[in-house]
Amino acid sequence: MRIVARFVVIALYAVALVTLAGASGGCGGASGDPVPEWERVTTAHISGDQPVKLNLGDYRLGDRLRLAWVLSGPEKPPVTLTLRIFNRKTGSGYGYAVTPESGGHAIARRDDQAILLALVPGEYRIYFSQRFAPARGPGYDVELTIYTMRTTP
């Protein structure tokens, strides 16, 4: 009976040591890695009644930008939706334009990743526009949210 009890105690110690070693090894490696995180920058609502170029403001952005939207209104209006950003320090810019039939397929009316841009972190001015000939409107009613990727330790 004593031998069985000793064996059980030794086995429990071994399991405890292996568990402790695995837990501390996993925690030590994970704490040093930065965790990327999306942060909301701004939101806006755009009416589809008239073409518009909207200055959304100046913001400090990380190394990625994401535009999420909800589009309502006509099914496939003849519009071009454009996101443009300009670095306040260097004047360089990034942009992306999309139409209802971009890439040969209809754009999603609700899309959390409608436009994704990789960029150099810094201060940017953000513009969103919806262009169409006024006689060919209305365009989409757009609810949009801009996010940036932050890396936190």
N, C-alpha and C. Protein backbone atom coordinates (compact mmCIF):
# COMPACT_ATOMS: atom_id res chain seq x y z
N MET A 1 0.82 -1.18 0.00
CA MET A 1 0.00 0.00 0.00
C MET A 1 0.87 1.25 0.00
N ARG A 2 1.97 1.22 0.78
CA ARG A 2 2.87 2.37 0.84
C ARG A 2 3.49 2.67 -0.52
N ILE A 3 3.84 1.64 -1.24
CA ILE A 3 4.46 1.83 -2.55
C ILE A 3 3.47 2.49 -3.50
N VAL A 4 2.23 2.08 -3.47
CA VAL A 4 1.19 2.68 -4.33
C VAL A 4 0.99 4.15 -3.94
N ALA A 5 0.95 4.45 -2.64
CA ALA A 5 0.77 5.83 -2.18
C ALA A 5 1.94 6.69 -2.63
N ARG A 6 3.17 6.17 -2.50
CA ARG A 6 4.34 6.93 -2.95
C ARG A 6 4.29 7.19 -4.46
N PHE A 7 3.90 6.17 -5.18
CA PHE A 7 3.80 6.31 -6.63
C PHE A 7 2.78 7.40 -7.00
N VAL A 8 1.63 7.40 -6.34
CA VAL A 8 0.59 8.41 -6.59
C VAL A 8 1.12 9.80 -6.26
N VAL A 9 1.81 9.96 -5.13
CA VAL A 9 2.36 11.26 -4.74
C VAL A 9 3.38 11.74 -5.77
N ILE A 10 4.28 10.85 -6.20
CA ILE A 10 5.30 11.21 -7.19
C ILE A 10 4.63 11.60 -8.51
N ALA A 11 3.63 10.85 -8.91
CA ALA A 11 2.91 11.16 -10.15
C ALA A 11 2.23 12.53 -10.06
N LEU A 12 1.62 12.83 -8.91
CA LEU A 12 0.97 14.13 -8.73
C LEU A 12 1.98 15.27 -8.79
N TYR A 13 3.15 15.07 -8.17
CA TYR A 13 4.21 16.08 -8.24
C TYR A 13 4.66 16.30 -9.69
N ALA A 14 4.82 15.22 -10.42
CA ALA A 14 5.25 15.32 -11.82
C ALA A 14 4.23 16.10 -12.65
N VAL A 15 2.96 15.77 -12.47
CA VAL A 15 1.90 16.48 -13.20
C VAL A 15 1.89 17.96 -12.81
N ALA A 16 2.05 18.25 -11.53
CA ALA A 16 2.07 19.65 -11.08
C ALA A 16 3.25 20.40 -11.69
N LEU A 17 4.44 19.78 -11.71
CA LEU A 17 5.61 20.44 -12.29
C LEU A 17 5.46 20.68 -13.79
N VAL A 18 4.93 19.71 -14.50
CA VAL A 18 4.71 19.87 -15.95
C VAL A 18 3.69 20.98 -16.21
N THR A 19 2.62 21.01 -15.44
CA THR A 19 1.60 22.04 -15.58
C THR A 19 2.18 23.42 -15.29
N LEU A 20 2.93 23.53 -14.22
CA LEU A 20 3.55 24.79 -13.84
C LEU A 20 4.54 25.27 -14.91
N ALA A 21 5.35 24.37 -15.44
CA ALA A 21 6.32 24.72 -16.47
C ALA A 21 5.61 25.19 -17.74
N GLY A 22 4.56 24.50 -18.13
CA GLY A 22 3.80 24.89 -19.33
C GLY A 22 3.11 26.23 -19.15
N ALA A 23 2.54 26.45 -18.00
CA ALA A 23 1.82 27.71 -17.76
C ALA A 23 2.78 28.88 -17.71
N SER A 24 3.89 28.74 -17.05
CA SER A 24 4.82 29.87 -16.97
C SER A 24 5.51 30.10 -18.30
N GLY A 25 5.76 29.07 -19.07
CA GLY A 25 6.36 29.26 -20.39
C GLY A 25 5.41 29.97 -21.32
N GLY A 26 4.14 29.63 -21.30
CA GLY A 26 3.15 30.28 -22.15
C GLY A 26 2.92 31.72 -21.77
N CYS A 27 2.89 32.02 -20.49
CA CYS A 27 2.66 33.39 -20.05
C CYS A 27 3.85 34.28 -20.38
N GLY A 28 5.05 33.75 -20.20
CA GLY A 28 6.24 34.55 -20.46
C GLY A 28 6.35 34.95 -21.91
N GLY A 29 6.02 34.07 -22.85
CA GLY A 29 6.12 34.37 -24.27
C GLY A 29 5.04 35.33 -24.71
N ALA A 30 3.85 35.22 -24.20
CA ALA A 30 2.74 36.03 -24.66
C ALA A 30 2.83 37.46 -24.16
N SER A 31 3.42 37.68 -22.99
CA SER A 31 3.42 39.03 -22.43
C SER A 31 4.31 39.98 -23.22
N GLY A 32 5.31 39.48 -23.94
CA GLY A 32 6.21 40.35 -24.69
C GLY A 32 5.69 40.69 -26.08
N ASP A 33 4.72 39.95 -26.61
CA ASP A 33 4.20 40.19 -27.95
C ASP A 33 3.13 41.27 -27.93
N PRO A 34 3.24 42.27 -28.84
CA PRO A 34 2.19 43.29 -28.90
C PRO A 34 0.89 42.69 -29.44
N VAL A 35 -0.21 43.19 -28.96
CA VAL A 35 -1.53 42.72 -29.37
C VAL A 35 -2.18 43.79 -30.25
N PRO A 36 -2.38 43.51 -31.55
CA PRO A 36 -3.02 44.51 -32.40
C PRO A 36 -4.49 44.67 -32.03
N GLU A 37 -4.98 45.88 -32.13
CA GLU A 37 -6.32 46.21 -31.68
C GLU A 37 -6.92 47.29 -32.58
N TRP A 38 -8.15 47.11 -33.06
CA TRP A 38 -8.84 48.15 -33.83
C TRP A 38 -9.43 49.16 -32.86
N GLU A 39 -9.27 50.42 -33.18
CA GLU A 39 -9.79 51.51 -32.36
C GLU A 39 -10.67 52.40 -33.25
N ARG A 40 -11.87 52.71 -32.77
CA ARG A 40 -12.78 53.58 -33.55
C ARG A 40 -12.20 54.98 -33.60
N VAL A 41 -12.18 55.56 -34.80
CA VAL A 41 -11.66 56.91 -35.01
C VAL A 41 -12.81 57.90 -35.12
N THR A 42 -13.76 57.65 -36.00
CA THR A 42 -14.89 58.55 -36.19
C THR A 42 -16.03 57.83 -36.90
N THR A 43 -17.22 58.41 -36.83
CA THR A 43 -18.38 57.91 -37.55
C THR A 43 -19.05 59.07 -38.27
N ALA A 44 -19.82 58.75 -39.28
CA ALA A 44 -20.54 59.79 -40.02
C ALA A 44 -21.75 59.18 -40.72
N HIS A 45 -22.68 60.04 -41.06
CA HIS A 45 -23.85 59.64 -41.86
C HIS A 45 -23.89 60.55 -43.07
N ILE A 46 -24.04 59.95 -44.24
CA ILE A 46 -24.08 60.70 -45.49
C ILE A 46 -25.39 60.39 -46.19
N SER A 47 -26.11 61.42 -46.57
CA SER A 47 -27.36 61.27 -47.31
C SER A 47 -27.04 61.02 -48.77
N GLY A 48 -27.86 60.23 -49.42
CA GLY A 48 -27.70 59.96 -50.84
C GLY A 48 -28.42 60.95 -51.73
N ASP A 49 -28.99 62.02 -51.14
CA ASP A 49 -29.75 62.99 -51.93
C ASP A 49 -28.90 63.73 -52.95
N GLN A 50 -27.67 64.10 -52.56
CA GLN A 50 -26.78 64.87 -53.42
C GLN A 50 -25.38 64.28 -53.37
N PRO A 51 -24.58 64.49 -54.43
CA PRO A 51 -23.17 64.10 -54.34
C PRO A 51 -22.52 64.88 -53.19
N VAL A 52 -21.51 64.28 -52.57
CA VAL A 52 -20.89 64.93 -51.42
C VAL A 52 -19.42 64.54 -51.31
N LYS A 53 -18.61 65.51 -50.86
CA LYS A 53 -17.24 65.23 -50.44
C LYS A 53 -17.16 65.75 -49.02
N LEU A 54 -16.98 64.83 -48.07
CA LEU A 54 -17.05 65.17 -46.67
C LEU A 54 -15.67 65.07 -46.03
N ASN A 55 -15.24 66.16 -45.39
CA ASN A 55 -14.00 66.16 -44.61
C ASN A 55 -14.36 65.60 -43.24
N LEU A 56 -13.84 64.42 -42.92
CA LEU A 56 -14.16 63.77 -41.65
C LEU A 56 -13.27 64.25 -40.51
N GLY A 57 -12.20 65.02 -40.84
CA GLY A 57 -11.35 65.57 -39.79
C GLY A 57 -9.93 65.05 -39.85
N ASP A 58 -9.13 65.53 -38.89
CA ASP A 58 -7.72 65.16 -38.76
C ASP A 58 -7.57 64.21 -37.57
N TYR A 59 -6.84 63.12 -37.80
CA TYR A 59 -6.69 62.09 -36.76
C TYR A 59 -5.30 61.48 -36.80
N ARG A 60 -4.86 60.98 -35.66
CA ARG A 60 -3.62 60.19 -35.57
C ARG A 60 -4.03 58.75 -35.88
N LEU A 61 -3.38 58.18 -36.90
CA LEU A 61 -3.71 56.83 -37.33
C LEU A 61 -2.52 55.91 -37.15
N GLY A 62 -2.82 54.64 -36.92
CA GLY A 62 -1.78 53.62 -36.80
C GLY A 62 -1.36 53.15 -38.18
N ASP A 63 -0.94 51.89 -38.29
CA ASP A 63 -0.42 51.41 -39.56
C ASP A 63 -1.48 50.79 -40.47
N ARG A 64 -2.73 50.76 -40.03
CA ARG A 64 -3.82 50.29 -40.87
C ARG A 64 -5.08 51.10 -40.60
N LEU A 65 -5.90 51.20 -41.64
CA LEU A 65 -7.17 51.91 -41.53
C LEU A 65 -8.24 51.00 -42.11
N ARG A 66 -9.39 50.99 -41.47
CA ARG A 66 -10.52 50.16 -41.92
C ARG A 66 -11.77 51.01 -41.95
N LEU A 67 -12.52 50.92 -43.04
CA LEU A 67 -13.80 51.61 -43.14
C LEU A 67 -14.90 50.55 -43.12
N ALA A 68 -15.84 50.71 -42.21
CA ALA A 68 -17.02 49.84 -42.15
C ALA A 68 -18.22 50.68 -42.55
N TRP A 69 -19.17 50.07 -43.26
CA TRP A 69 -20.34 50.85 -43.66
C TRP A 69 -21.62 50.04 -43.65
N VAL A 70 -22.73 50.79 -43.64
CA VAL A 70 -24.05 50.25 -43.90
C VAL A 70 -24.63 51.15 -44.98
N LEU A 71 -24.97 50.55 -46.12
CA LEU A 71 -25.53 51.29 -47.25
C LEU A 71 -27.02 51.00 -47.34
N SER A 72 -27.80 52.05 -47.54
CA SER A 72 -29.23 51.87 -47.77
C SER A 72 -29.63 52.76 -48.93
N GLY A 73 -30.83 52.54 -49.45
CA GLY A 73 -31.28 53.31 -50.59
C GLY A 73 -31.38 52.43 -51.82
N PRO A 74 -31.15 53.02 -53.01
CA PRO A 74 -31.29 52.27 -54.25
C PRO A 74 -30.41 51.02 -54.30
N GLU A 75 -30.82 50.05 -55.09
CA GLU A 75 -30.08 48.78 -55.16
C GLU A 75 -28.69 48.94 -55.77
N LYS A 76 -28.59 49.57 -56.93
CA LYS A 76 -27.29 49.76 -57.59
C LYS A 76 -27.23 51.15 -58.21
N PRO A 77 -27.10 52.18 -57.37
CA PRO A 77 -27.05 53.53 -57.93
C PRO A 77 -25.73 53.75 -58.69
N PRO A 78 -25.73 54.64 -59.69
CA PRO A 78 -24.51 54.91 -60.46
C PRO A 78 -23.57 55.84 -59.70
N VAL A 79 -22.95 55.34 -58.65
CA VAL A 79 -22.12 56.16 -57.77
C VAL A 79 -20.70 55.62 -57.70
N THR A 80 -19.81 56.47 -57.24
CA THR A 80 -18.46 56.06 -56.86
C THR A 80 -18.26 56.52 -55.42
N LEU A 81 -17.94 55.57 -54.55
CA LEU A 81 -17.64 55.87 -53.15
C LEU A 81 -16.12 55.88 -53.00
N THR A 82 -15.59 56.94 -52.41
CA THR A 82 -14.14 57.10 -52.33
C THR A 82 -13.72 57.47 -50.91
N LEU A 83 -12.69 56.79 -50.44
CA LEU A 83 -12.04 57.13 -49.18
C LEU A 83 -10.65 57.63 -49.53
N ARG A 84 -10.30 58.83 -49.05
CA ARG A 84 -8.96 59.40 -49.28
C ARG A 84 -8.43 59.90 -47.95
N ILE A 85 -7.14 59.68 -47.74
CA ILE A 85 -6.49 60.22 -46.55
C ILE A 85 -5.17 60.86 -46.97
N PHE A 86 -4.83 61.95 -46.32
CA PHE A 86 -3.60 62.68 -46.63
C PHE A 86 -2.80 62.88 -45.35
N ASN A 87 -1.52 62.53 -45.42
CA ASN A 87 -0.61 62.71 -44.30
C ASN A 87 -0.39 64.20 -44.11
N ARG A 88 -0.67 64.72 -42.93
CA ARG A 88 -0.58 66.16 -42.65
C ARG A 88 0.86 66.67 -42.71
N LYS A 89 1.82 65.82 -42.42
CA LYS A 89 3.22 66.24 -42.39
C LYS A 89 3.87 66.17 -43.77
N THR A 90 3.66 65.05 -44.49
CA THR A 90 4.35 64.84 -45.76
C THR A 90 3.52 65.18 -46.98
N GLY A 91 2.20 65.25 -46.84
CA GLY A 91 1.33 65.52 -47.98
C GLY A 91 1.02 64.28 -48.81
N SER A 92 1.66 63.15 -48.50
CA SER A 92 1.38 61.93 -49.25
C SER A 92 -0.02 61.44 -48.90
N GLY A 93 -0.60 60.71 -49.83
CA GLY A 93 -1.96 60.27 -49.60
C GLY A 93 -2.20 58.84 -50.01
N TYR A 94 -3.30 58.32 -49.55
CA TYR A 94 -3.77 57.00 -49.88
C TYR A 94 -5.24 57.14 -50.24
N GLY A 95 -5.71 56.26 -51.11
CA GLY A 95 -7.11 56.33 -51.46
C GLY A 95 -7.61 55.02 -52.03
N TYR A 96 -8.92 54.91 -52.05
CA TYR A 96 -9.56 53.73 -52.59
C TYR A 96 -10.95 54.13 -53.04
N ALA A 97 -11.33 53.71 -54.24
CA ALA A 97 -12.66 54.00 -54.78
C ALA A 97 -13.36 52.70 -55.12
N VAL A 98 -14.67 52.70 -54.95
CA VAL A 98 -15.47 51.51 -55.22
C VAL A 98 -16.80 51.94 -55.83
N THR A 99 -17.31 51.11 -56.71
CA THR A 99 -18.63 51.33 -57.32
C THR A 99 -19.52 50.14 -56.95
N PRO A 100 -20.83 50.24 -57.19
CA PRO A 100 -21.70 49.11 -56.83
C PRO A 100 -21.32 47.79 -57.51
N GLU A 101 -20.60 47.86 -58.62
CA GLU A 101 -20.20 46.63 -59.32
C GLU A 101 -18.69 46.48 -59.38
N SER A 102 -17.96 46.94 -58.37
CA SER A 102 -16.50 46.83 -58.35
C SER A 102 -16.06 45.38 -58.42
N GLY A 103 -15.08 45.14 -59.27
CA GLY A 103 -14.53 43.79 -59.38
C GLY A 103 -15.49 42.79 -59.98
N GLY A 104 -16.53 43.26 -60.64
CA GLY A 104 -17.48 42.35 -61.29
C GLY A 104 -18.53 41.77 -60.36
N HIS A 105 -18.56 42.18 -59.09
CA HIS A 105 -19.58 41.67 -58.18
C HIS A 105 -20.12 42.83 -57.34
N ALA A 106 -21.34 42.68 -56.88
CA ALA A 106 -21.99 43.74 -56.11
C ALA A 106 -21.30 43.93 -54.76
N ILE A 107 -21.18 45.18 -54.33
CA ILE A 107 -20.60 45.45 -53.02
C ILE A 107 -21.61 45.11 -51.94
N ALA A 108 -21.11 44.74 -50.80
CA ALA A 108 -21.98 44.39 -49.68
C ALA A 108 -22.61 45.64 -49.09
N ARG A 109 -23.87 45.57 -48.78
CA ARG A 109 -24.57 46.72 -48.22
C ARG A 109 -24.22 46.92 -46.74
N ARG A 110 -23.80 45.88 -46.09
CA ARG A 110 -23.30 45.96 -44.71
C ARG A 110 -21.95 45.26 -44.72
N ASP A 111 -20.89 46.03 -44.44
CA ASP A 111 -19.55 45.45 -44.55
C ASP A 111 -18.65 46.07 -43.49
N ASP A 112 -18.14 45.25 -42.58
CA ASP A 112 -17.24 45.71 -41.53
C ASP A 112 -15.82 45.94 -42.05
N GLN A 113 -15.54 45.48 -43.27
CA GLN A 113 -14.23 45.68 -43.88
C GLN A 113 -14.40 46.13 -45.32
N ALA A 114 -15.21 47.16 -45.52
CA ALA A 114 -15.49 47.63 -46.87
C ALA A 114 -14.23 48.13 -47.57
N ILE A 115 -13.40 48.86 -46.85
CA ILE A 115 -12.13 49.35 -47.39
C ILE A 115 -11.07 49.17 -46.32
N LEU A 116 -9.94 48.59 -46.72
CA LEU A 116 -8.79 48.42 -45.83
C LEU A 116 -7.58 49.07 -46.48
N LEU A 117 -6.84 49.87 -45.72
CA LEU A 117 -5.63 50.51 -46.21
C LEU A 117 -4.48 50.26 -45.25
N ALA A 118 -3.31 49.95 -45.80
CA ALA A 118 -2.08 49.89 -45.00
C ALA A 118 -1.39 51.23 -45.19
N LEU A 119 -0.86 51.81 -44.11
CA LEU A 119 -0.25 53.13 -44.21
C LEU A 119 0.86 53.32 -43.20
N VAL A 120 1.55 54.41 -43.35
CA VAL A 120 2.60 54.79 -42.41
C VAL A 120 1.91 55.54 -41.26
N PRO A 121 2.13 55.14 -40.00
CA PRO A 121 1.47 55.84 -38.89
C PRO A 121 1.78 57.33 -38.90
N GLY A 122 0.78 58.13 -38.53
CA GLY A 122 0.96 59.57 -38.48
C GLY A 122 -0.36 60.31 -38.37
N GLU A 123 -0.30 61.63 -38.56
CA GLU A 123 -1.49 62.50 -38.54
C GLU A 123 -2.06 62.59 -39.95
N TYR A 124 -3.34 62.27 -40.10
CA TYR A 124 -3.97 62.25 -41.41
C TYR A 124 -5.28 63.06 -41.41
N ARG A 125 -5.59 63.63 -42.56
CA ARG A 125 -6.91 64.22 -42.82
C ARG A 125 -7.67 63.19 -43.66
N ILE A 126 -8.90 62.90 -43.25
CA ILE A 126 -9.70 61.86 -43.89
C ILE A 126 -10.88 62.48 -44.64
N TYR A 127 -11.08 62.05 -45.90
CA TYR A 127 -12.21 62.47 -46.71
C TYR A 127 -12.98 61.24 -47.17
N PHE A 128 -14.30 61.39 -47.24
CA PHE A 128 -15.15 60.36 -47.85
C PHE A 128 -16.05 61.07 -48.84
N SER A 129 -16.19 60.51 -50.03
CA SER A 129 -17.06 61.14 -51.02
C SER A 129 -17.95 60.11 -51.70
N GLN A 130 -19.06 60.62 -52.17
CA GLN A 130 -20.00 59.84 -52.99
C GLN A 130 -20.29 60.72 -54.21
N ARG A 131 -19.83 60.25 -55.37
CA ARG A 131 -20.00 61.04 -56.59
C ARG A 131 -21.00 60.37 -57.52
N PHE A 132 -21.85 61.21 -58.11
CA PHE A 132 -22.77 60.76 -59.15
C PHE A 132 -23.33 62.01 -59.80
N ALA A 133 -23.78 61.86 -61.04
CA ALA A 133 -24.43 62.98 -61.72
C ALA A 133 -25.76 63.24 -61.01
N PRO A 134 -26.02 64.50 -60.59
CA PRO A 134 -27.25 64.78 -59.83
C PRO A 134 -28.52 64.27 -60.53
N ALA A 135 -28.56 64.32 -61.85
CA ALA A 135 -29.74 63.84 -62.57
C ALA A 135 -29.86 62.32 -62.50
N ARG A 136 -28.80 61.62 -62.10
CA ARG A 136 -28.81 60.16 -62.06
C ARG A 136 -28.99 59.62 -60.65
N GLY A 137 -29.11 60.49 -59.64
CA GLY A 137 -29.23 60.09 -58.25
C GLY A 137 -30.62 59.57 -57.95
N PRO A 138 -30.92 59.26 -56.76
CA PRO A 138 -30.08 59.45 -55.58
C PRO A 138 -29.05 58.33 -55.45
N GLY A 139 -28.09 58.60 -54.56
CA GLY A 139 -27.07 57.61 -54.24
C GLY A 139 -27.45 56.85 -52.99
N TYR A 140 -26.45 56.25 -52.38
CA TYR A 140 -26.67 55.53 -51.13
C TYR A 140 -26.78 56.49 -49.95
N ASP A 141 -27.57 56.12 -48.96
CA ASP A 141 -27.44 56.69 -47.63
C ASP A 141 -26.38 55.84 -46.96
N VAL A 142 -25.35 56.48 -46.41
CA VAL A 142 -24.19 55.75 -45.90
C VAL A 142 -24.01 56.05 -44.42
N GLU A 143 -23.93 55.02 -43.61
CA GLU A 143 -23.48 55.14 -42.22
C GLU A 143 -22.10 54.50 -42.21
N LEU A 144 -21.09 55.31 -41.88
CA LEU A 144 -19.73 54.78 -41.94
C LEU A 144 -19.01 54.97 -40.62
N THR A 145 -18.07 54.08 -40.38
CA THR A 145 -17.19 54.17 -39.21
C THR A 145 -15.78 53.89 -39.68
N ILE A 146 -14.85 54.74 -39.24
CA ILE A 146 -13.44 54.59 -39.55
C ILE A 146 -12.74 54.02 -38.31
N TYR A 147 -11.91 53.01 -38.51
CA TYR A 147 -11.11 52.42 -37.45
C TYR A 147 -9.64 52.49 -37.82
N THR A 148 -8.76 52.50 -36.84
CA THR A 148 -7.33 52.37 -37.09
C THR A 148 -6.80 51.24 -36.23
N MET A 149 -5.69 50.65 -36.71
CA MET A 149 -5.07 49.56 -35.96
C MET A 149 -4.01 50.14 -35.04
N ARG A 150 -4.14 49.84 -33.78
CA ARG A 150 -3.16 50.25 -32.77
C ARG A 150 -2.44 49.00 -32.31
N THR A 151 -1.17 49.11 -32.05
CA THR A 151 -0.42 48.00 -31.46
C THR A 151 -0.09 48.39 -30.03
N THR A 152 -0.59 47.59 -29.09
CA THR A 152 -0.36 47.89 -27.67
C THR A 152 0.48 46.78 -27.05
N PRO A 153 1.42 47.14 -26.20
CA PRO A 153 2.24 46.11 -25.55
C PRO A 153 1.46 45.33 -24.52
